[in-house]
Amino acid sequence: MDILKFSIAGLPWFALYLAATLVLFLVFLVIYLRITPYREIALIREGNSAAAASISGAMLGFVIPLANAVVQSANIADMVLWGVIALIVQLLVYSVVTRIIPDIGRGIPEGKVAEGVFLGALSVAIGILNAACITY
């Protein structure tokens, strides 16, 4: 019974970190969905695989460093700070790529899967690098 009591003692911290990461995730999604010139959710509902690949990669590219921030952080404020940094990095990735390849924004609504996969994979790749940099 002591083991159960000891394990349950961490439940409030689990709930706090989970709530904070979910809020950060939702903030990321809202901002990302607003800065893209197309409506990913509507496109996905229409079966657009390019939009699905692009937004999926962006979400993973954000969540990977966010998860690492949870593991590496000293406290909740530290985790939130690194979560915000991960959010900014992912938004910068999108901004830089759409400046370098301006047509990529036009291809995704047209269902050009290669562009969606490229943008999504790039987001994941930068997210992995971002996560690796969150170390002490």
Protein backbone atom coordinates (compact mmCIF):
# COMPACT_ATOMS: atom_id res chain seq x y z
CA MET A 1 0.00 0.00 0.00
CA ASP A 2 2.92 2.37 0.64
CA ILE A 3 4.05 1.91 -2.97
CA LEU A 4 0.63 2.99 -4.23
CA LYS A 5 0.58 5.98 -1.87
CA PHE A 6 4.09 6.96 -3.03
CA SER A 7 3.11 6.62 -6.71
CA ILE A 8 -0.09 8.61 -6.33
CA ALA A 9 1.82 11.43 -4.60
CA GLY A 10 3.11 12.53 -8.02
CA LEU A 11 -0.40 12.78 -9.50
CA PRO A 12 -0.82 16.54 -8.90
CA TRP A 13 2.50 17.24 -10.67
CA PHE A 14 1.46 14.95 -13.53
CA ALA A 15 -1.83 16.84 -13.86
CA LEU A 16 -0.10 20.23 -13.75
CA TYR A 17 2.48 19.30 -16.40
CA LEU A 18 -0.17 17.67 -18.58
CA ALA A 19 -2.45 20.71 -18.36
CA ALA A 20 0.42 23.09 -19.11
CA THR A 21 1.60 21.07 -22.12
CA LEU A 22 -1.94 20.77 -23.49
CA VAL A 23 -2.39 24.53 -23.21
CA LEU A 24 0.93 25.11 -24.98
CA PHE A 25 -0.08 22.61 -27.66
CA LEU A 26 -3.42 24.35 -28.22
CA VAL A 27 -1.74 27.76 -28.36
CA PHE A 28 0.70 26.41 -30.94
CA LEU A 29 -2.12 24.96 -33.03
CA VAL A 30 -4.19 28.14 -32.96
CA ILE A 31 -1.23 30.30 -33.97
CA TYR A 32 -0.03 27.86 -36.65
CA LEU A 33 -3.48 27.50 -38.15
CA ARG A 34 -3.81 31.30 -38.30
CA ILE A 35 -0.45 32.01 -39.94
CA THR A 36 -0.89 29.53 -42.77
CA PRO A 37 -2.71 30.98 -45.78
CA TYR A 38 -4.97 27.95 -46.12
CA ARG A 39 -7.45 26.23 -43.83
CA GLU A 40 -5.86 22.91 -42.88
CA ILE A 41 -8.85 21.53 -40.99
CA ALA A 42 -11.24 22.19 -43.89
CA LEU A 43 -8.72 20.73 -46.34
CA ILE A 44 -8.25 17.64 -44.18
CA ARG A 45 -12.02 17.17 -43.99
CA GLU A 46 -12.02 17.24 -47.79
CA GLY A 47 -9.37 14.49 -47.83
CA ASN A 48 -6.34 16.66 -48.62
CA SER A 49 -3.33 14.52 -47.69
CA ALA A 50 -0.86 17.36 -48.26
CA ALA A 51 -2.53 19.47 -45.56
CA ALA A 52 -2.69 16.48 -43.21
CA ALA A 53 1.02 15.73 -43.68
CA SER A 54 2.00 19.35 -43.22
CA ILE A 55 0.04 19.99 -40.02
CA SER A 56 0.92 16.55 -38.62
CA GLY A 57 4.61 17.29 -39.05
CA ALA A 58 4.22 20.71 -37.48
CA MET A 59 2.45 19.21 -34.46
CA LEU A 60 5.10 16.52 -34.02
CA GLY A 61 7.85 19.06 -34.56
CA PHE A 62 6.45 21.05 -31.67
CA VAL A 63 5.53 18.17 -29.35
CA ILE A 64 8.91 16.42 -29.55
CA PRO A 65 10.87 19.32 -27.99
CA LEU A 66 7.96 20.04 -25.66
CA ALA A 67 8.13 16.47 -24.33
CA ASN A 68 11.88 16.84 -23.89
CA ALA A 69 11.31 20.10 -22.04
CA VAL A 70 9.08 18.21 -19.58
CA VAL A 71 11.84 15.66 -19.01
CA GLN A 72 14.69 18.17 -18.77
CA SER A 73 13.00 21.02 -16.91
CA ALA A 74 13.82 21.94 -13.34
CA ASN A 75 10.25 23.08 -12.65
CA ILE A 76 7.00 24.02 -14.39
CA ALA A 77 8.12 27.57 -15.21
CA ASP A 78 11.29 26.21 -16.83
CA MET A 79 9.23 23.76 -18.88
CA VAL A 80 6.83 26.49 -20.02
CA LEU A 81 9.75 28.72 -21.04
CA TRP A 82 11.29 25.95 -23.16
CA GLY A 83 7.84 25.11 -24.53
CA VAL A 84 7.45 28.69 -25.70
CA ILE A 85 10.90 28.54 -27.28
CA ALA A 86 9.89 25.33 -29.10
CA LEU A 87 6.72 27.07 -30.27
CA ILE A 88 8.70 30.02 -31.63
CA VAL A 89 11.17 27.73 -33.39
CA GLN A 90 8.37 25.86 -35.20
CA LEU A 91 6.70 29.08 -36.28
CA LEU A 92 10.06 30.33 -37.57
CA VAL A 93 10.55 27.10 -39.52
CA TYR A 94 7.28 27.66 -41.33
CA SER A 95 8.07 31.33 -41.95
CA VAL A 96 11.56 30.64 -43.31
CA VAL A 97 10.47 27.75 -45.54
CA THR A 98 7.60 29.72 -47.04
CA ARG A 99 10.03 32.58 -47.78
CA ILE A 100 12.59 30.24 -49.40
CA ILE A 101 9.95 28.21 -51.27
CA PRO A 102 7.06 30.66 -51.72
CA ASP A 103 5.00 28.26 -53.85
CA ILE A 104 4.82 25.67 -51.06
CA GLY A 105 1.90 27.56 -49.56
CA ARG A 106 0.00 27.28 -52.83
CA GLY A 107 0.70 23.61 -53.42
CA ILE A 108 -0.75 22.27 -50.19
CA PRO A 109 -4.33 23.48 -50.82
CA GLU A 110 -4.00 22.00 -54.31
CA GLY A 111 -3.25 18.63 -52.72
CA LYS A 112 0.40 18.42 -53.76
CA VAL A 113 1.37 15.71 -51.29
CA ALA A 114 5.10 16.09 -51.89
CA GLU A 115 4.99 19.66 -50.59
CA GLY A 116 2.96 18.70 -47.54
CA VAL A 117 5.27 15.81 -46.72
CA PHE A 118 8.36 17.98 -47.23
CA LEU A 119 7.04 20.74 -44.97
CA GLY A 120 5.91 18.22 -42.35
CA ALA A 121 9.20 16.28 -42.41
CA LEU A 122 11.19 19.49 -42.14
CA SER A 123 9.14 20.50 -39.10
CA VAL A 124 9.82 17.12 -37.46
CA ALA A 125 13.54 17.29 -38.30
CA ILE A 126 13.89 20.76 -36.77
CA GLY A 127 11.79 19.61 -33.80
CA ILE A 128 14.18 16.72 -33.15
CA LEU A 129 17.18 19.05 -33.32
CA ASN A 130 15.36 21.53 -31.09
CA ALA A 131 14.65 18.76 -28.55
CA ALA A 132 18.28 17.64 -28.58
CA CYS A 133 19.37 21.18 -27.77
CA ILE A 134 17.19 21.28 -24.65
CA THR A 135 19.75 19.70 -22.33
CA TYR A 136 21.52 20.75 -19.18
